[in-house]
C-alpha atoms as a PDB file:
ATOM      1  CA  MET A   1       0.000   0.000   0.000  1.00  0.00           C
ATOM      2  CA  ASP A   2       2.847   2.366   0.811  1.00  0.00           C
ATOM      3  CA  CYS A   3       4.281   2.154  -2.705  1.00  0.00           C
ATOM      4  CA  CYS A   4       0.861   3.150  -4.075  1.00  0.00           C
ATOM      5  CA  GLY A   5       0.387   5.969  -1.579  1.00  0.00           C
ATOM      6  CA  LEU A   6      -2.424   4.170   0.244  1.00  0.00           C
ATOM      7  CA  ASN A   7      -3.183   3.351   3.851  1.00  0.00           C
ATOM      8  CA  LEU A   8      -5.874   1.264   5.555  1.00  0.00           C
ATOM      9  CA  SER A   9      -8.425   4.064   5.639  1.00  0.00           C
ATOM     10  CA  GLY A  10      -7.610   5.038   2.049  1.00  0.00           C
ATOM     11  CA  MET A  11      -8.441   1.519   0.913  1.00  0.00           C
ATOM     12  CA  ALA A  12     -12.032   1.750   2.209  1.00  0.00           C
ATOM     13  CA  PRO A  13     -13.523   3.098  -1.054  1.00  0.00           C
ATOM     14  CA  LEU A  14     -11.938   0.221  -2.991  1.00  0.00           C
ATOM     15  CA  LEU A  15     -13.214  -2.598  -0.778  1.00  0.00           C
ATOM     16  CA  PRO A  16     -16.827  -2.863  -2.040  1.00  0.00           C
ATOM     17  CA  LEU A  17     -15.485  -4.427  -5.256  1.00  0.00           C
ATOM     18  CA  TYR A  18     -14.352  -7.393  -3.143  1.00  0.00           C
ATOM     19  CA  LYS A  19     -17.622  -7.943  -1.261  1.00  0.00           C
ATOM     20  CA  PRO A  20     -16.470  -7.380   2.323  1.00  0.00           C
ATOM     21  CA  GLY A  21     -20.000  -8.128   3.550  1.00  0.00           C
ATOM     22  CA  ASP A  22     -19.572 -11.742   2.450  1.00  0.00           C
ATOM     23  CA  CYS A  23     -16.336 -11.951   4.434  1.00  0.00           C
ATOM     24  CA  GLU A  24     -17.945 -10.314   7.472  1.00  0.00           C
ATOM     25  CA  ALA A  25     -20.828 -12.813   7.331  1.00  0.00           C
ATOM     26  CA  ALA A  26     -18.448 -15.757   7.007  1.00  0.00           C
ATOM     27  CA  ILE A  27     -16.497 -14.620  10.066  1.00  0.00           C
ATOM     28  CA  ARG A  28     -19.688 -14.105  12.061  1.00  0.00           C
ATOM     29  CA  ASN A  29     -20.675 -17.686  11.206  1.00  0.00           C
ATOM     30  CA  VAL A  30     -17.538 -19.002  12.942  1.00  0.00           C
ATOM     31  CA  GLU A  31     -18.480 -20.349  16.331  1.00  0.00           C
ATOM     32  CA  HIS A  32     -16.845 -18.277  19.110  1.00  0.00           C
ATOM     33  CA  HIS A  33     -15.590 -15.664  16.617  1.00  0.00           C
ATOM     34  CA  ASP A  34     -16.655 -12.937  19.015  1.00  0.00           C
ATOM     35  CA  SER A  35     -14.687 -14.376  21.942  1.00  0.00           C
ATOM     36  CA  PHE A  36     -11.538 -14.571  19.842  1.00  0.00           C
ATOM     37  CA  LEU A  37     -11.946 -11.071  18.398  1.00  0.00           C
ATOM     38  CA  LYS A  38     -12.735  -9.611  21.826  1.00  0.00           C
ATOM     39  CA  ALA A  39      -9.439 -11.077  23.043  1.00  0.00           C
ATOM     40  CA  VAL A  40      -7.722  -9.327  20.129  1.00  0.00           C
ATOM     41  CA  LEU A  41      -9.538  -6.073  20.928  1.00  0.00           C
ATOM     42  CA  GLN A  42      -8.224  -6.103  24.508  1.00  0.00           C
ATOM     43  CA  HIS A  43      -4.674  -5.744  23.189  1.00  0.00           C
ATOM     44  CA  LEU A  44      -5.214  -3.194  20.420  1.00  0.00           C
ATOM     45  CA  ASP A  45      -3.621   0.123  21.248  1.00  0.00           C
ATOM     46  CA  ARG A  46      -4.460   2.180  18.145  1.00  0.00           C
ATOM     47  CA  ALA A  47      -7.780   4.011  18.266  1.00  0.00           C
ATOM     48  CA  SER A  48      -8.551   3.382  14.595  1.00  0.00           C
ATOM     49  CA  HIS A  49      -8.033  -0.375  14.993  1.00  0.00           C
ATOM     50  CA  ARG A  50     -10.116  -0.459  18.183  1.00  0.00           C
ATOM     51  CA  THR A  51     -12.940   1.516  16.538  1.00  0.00           C
ATOM     52  CA  GLN A  52     -13.118  -0.770  13.508  1.00  0.00           C
ATOM     53  CA  MET A  53     -12.954  -3.935  15.649  1.00  0.00           C
ATOM     54  CA  GLN A  54     -15.725  -2.584  17.906  1.00  0.00           C
ATOM     55  CA  LYS A  55     -17.842  -1.824  14.833  1.00  0.00           C
ATOM     56  CA  PHE A  56     -17.357  -5.350  13.581  1.00  0.00           C
ATOM     57  CA  LEU A  57     -18.176  -6.889  16.964  1.00  0.00           C
ATOM     58  CA  SER A  58     -21.336  -4.791  17.262  1.00  0.00           C
ATOM     59  CA  GLY A  59     -22.538  -6.002  13.852  1.00  0.00           C
ATOM     60  CA  LYS A  60     -21.863  -2.753  12.041  1.00  0.00           C
ATOM     61  CA  SER A  61     -20.093  -2.435   8.734  1.00  0.00           C
ATOM     62  CA  CYS A  62     -16.386  -1.772   9.100  1.00  0.00           C
ATOM     63  CA  ASN A  63     -13.120  -1.637   7.214  1.00  0.00           C
ATOM     64  CA  LEU A  64     -12.085  -5.294   7.419  1.00  0.00           C
ATOM     65  CA  LEU A  65      -8.496  -4.402   6.684  1.00  0.00           C
ATOM     66  CA  TYR A  66      -8.274  -2.996  10.210  1.00  0.00           C
ATOM     67  CA  VAL A  67      -9.584  -6.268  11.656  1.00  0.00           C
ATOM     68  CA  ALA A  68      -6.925  -8.235   9.769  1.00  0.00           C
ATOM     69  CA  ALA A  69      -4.230  -5.699  10.678  1.00  0.00           C
ATOM     70  CA  GLY A  70      -5.245  -5.847  14.330  1.00  0.00           C
ATOM     71  CA  ILE A  71      -4.993  -9.629  14.416  1.00  0.00           C
ATOM     72  CA  ARG A  72      -1.611  -9.506  12.681  1.00  0.00           C
ATOM     73  CA  HIS A  73      -0.332  -6.760  14.984  1.00  0.00           C
ATOM     74  CA  ILE A  74      -1.264  -8.556  18.184  1.00  0.00           C
ATOM     75  CA  PHE A  75       0.063 -11.898  16.924  1.00  0.00           C
ATOM     76  CA  ALA A  76       3.349 -10.352  15.734  1.00  0.00           C
ATOM     77  CA  HIS A  77       3.904  -8.784  19.149  1.00  0.00           C
ATOM     78  CA  GLY A  78       3.412 -12.120  20.881  1.00  0.00           C
ATOM     79  CA  LYS A  79       0.234 -11.201  22.739  1.00  0.00           C
ATOM     80  CA  LEU A  80      -2.015 -13.406  20.643  1.00  0.00           C
ATOM     81  CA  THR A  81      -2.088 -17.169  20.499  1.00  0.00           C
ATOM     82  CA  PRO A  82      -4.406 -19.335  18.392  1.00  0.00           C
ATOM     83  CA  ASN A  83      -6.560 -20.082  21.428  1.00  0.00           C
ATOM     84  CA  SER A  84      -6.824 -16.539  22.785  1.00  0.00           C
ATOM     85  CA  GLY A  85     -10.276 -15.932  24.169  1.00  0.00           C
ATOM     86  CA  VAL A  86     -11.472 -19.490  23.597  1.00  0.00           C
ATOM     87  CA  PRO A  87     -10.271 -22.933  24.655  1.00  0.00           C
ATOM     88  CA  LEU A  88      -9.963 -24.136  21.046  1.00  0.00           C
ATOM     89  CA  THR A  89      -7.830 -22.970  18.118  1.00  0.00           C
ATOM     90  CA  VAL A  90     -10.637 -23.466  15.586  1.00  0.00           C
ATOM     91  CA  PRO A  91     -11.976 -19.867  15.656  1.00  0.00           C
ATOM     92  CA  ALA A  92      -8.506 -18.408  15.042  1.00  0.00           C
ATOM     93  CA  GLN A  93      -7.856 -20.888  12.235  1.00  0.00           C
ATOM     94  CA  GLU A  94     -11.194 -20.347  10.515  1.00  0.00           C
ATOM     95  CA  ILE A  95     -11.121 -16.560  10.852  1.00  0.00           C
ATOM     96  CA  SER A  96      -7.555 -16.482   9.546  1.00  0.00           C
ATOM     97  CA  THR A  97      -8.479 -18.605   6.543  1.00  0.00           C
ATOM     98  CA  ILE A  98     -11.447 -16.349   5.729  1.00  0.00           C
ATOM     99  CA  MET A  99      -9.380 -13.188   6.144  1.00  0.00           C
ATOM    100  CA  VAL A 100      -6.499 -14.521   4.023  1.00  0.00           C
ATOM    101  CA  ASP A 101      -8.899 -15.334   1.199  1.00  0.00           C
ATOM    102  CA  PHE A 102     -10.364 -11.827   1.364  1.00  0.00           C
ATOM    103  CA  LEU A 103      -6.962 -10.129   1.574  1.00  0.00           C
ATOM    104  CA  PHE A 104      -5.611 -12.048  -1.420  1.00  0.00           C
ATOM    105  CA  ARG A 105      -8.693 -11.113  -3.467  1.00  0.00           C
ATOM    106  CA  VAL A 106      -8.075  -7.466  -2.628  1.00  0.00           C
ATOM    107  CA  MET A 107      -4.329  -7.623  -3.297  1.00  0.00           C
ATOM    108  CA  ASP A 108      -4.692  -9.563  -6.539  1.00  0.00           C
ATOM    109  CA  GLY A 109      -7.495  -7.336  -7.784  1.00  0.00           C
ATOM    110  CA  GLU A 110      -5.647  -4.121  -6.991  1.00  0.00           C
ATOM    111  CA  PHE A 111      -2.386  -5.387  -8.484  1.00  0.00           C
ATOM    112  CA  ILE A 112      -4.034  -6.519 -11.719  1.00  0.00           C
ATOM    113  CA  GLY A 113      -5.974  -3.246 -11.851  1.00  0.00           C
ATOM    114  CA  ARG A 114      -2.752  -1.261 -11.674  1.00  0.00           C
ATOM    115  CA  LEU A 115      -1.157  -3.437 -14.358  1.00  0.00           C
ATOM    116  CA  ARG A 116      -4.156  -2.847 -16.630  1.00  0.00           C
ATOM    117  CA  ALA A 117      -4.173   0.880 -15.910  1.00  0.00           C
ATOM    118  CA  ASN A 118      -0.567   1.022 -17.059  1.00  0.00           C
ATOM    119  CA  GLY A 119      -1.122  -1.063 -20.190  1.00  0.00           C
ATOM    120  CA  ILE A 120       0.873  -4.028 -18.936  1.00  0.00           C
ATOM    121  CA  VAL A 121      -2.027  -6.501 -18.843  1.00  0.00           C
ATOM    122  CA  THR A 122      -5.202  -6.451 -20.928  1.00  0.00           C
END
């Protein structure tokens, strides 16, 4: 995103192309998703990440990139384990799989779009 002059909030207008509502619904269908994400929320220190995670947890539309970034941030800093918030690792695994699929759709779509815009791919 940096090389394209974008940030998480700047990506928000681009996300509807990738159907974030489908991803949100899939995550909400994961049993104990809320317990896992609440455990993540407890460790988020950036207001923007906390706000977006709270929106998601309250059933409101949000910028899912902040949810993914929050999970990554907490995991990278060693505060998050696969069974945080729940006794099983299944919620973390399923949510991660759903988020990875969404993130790759966004990255692939944006990359191909930039190639097309520059006449590299038709």
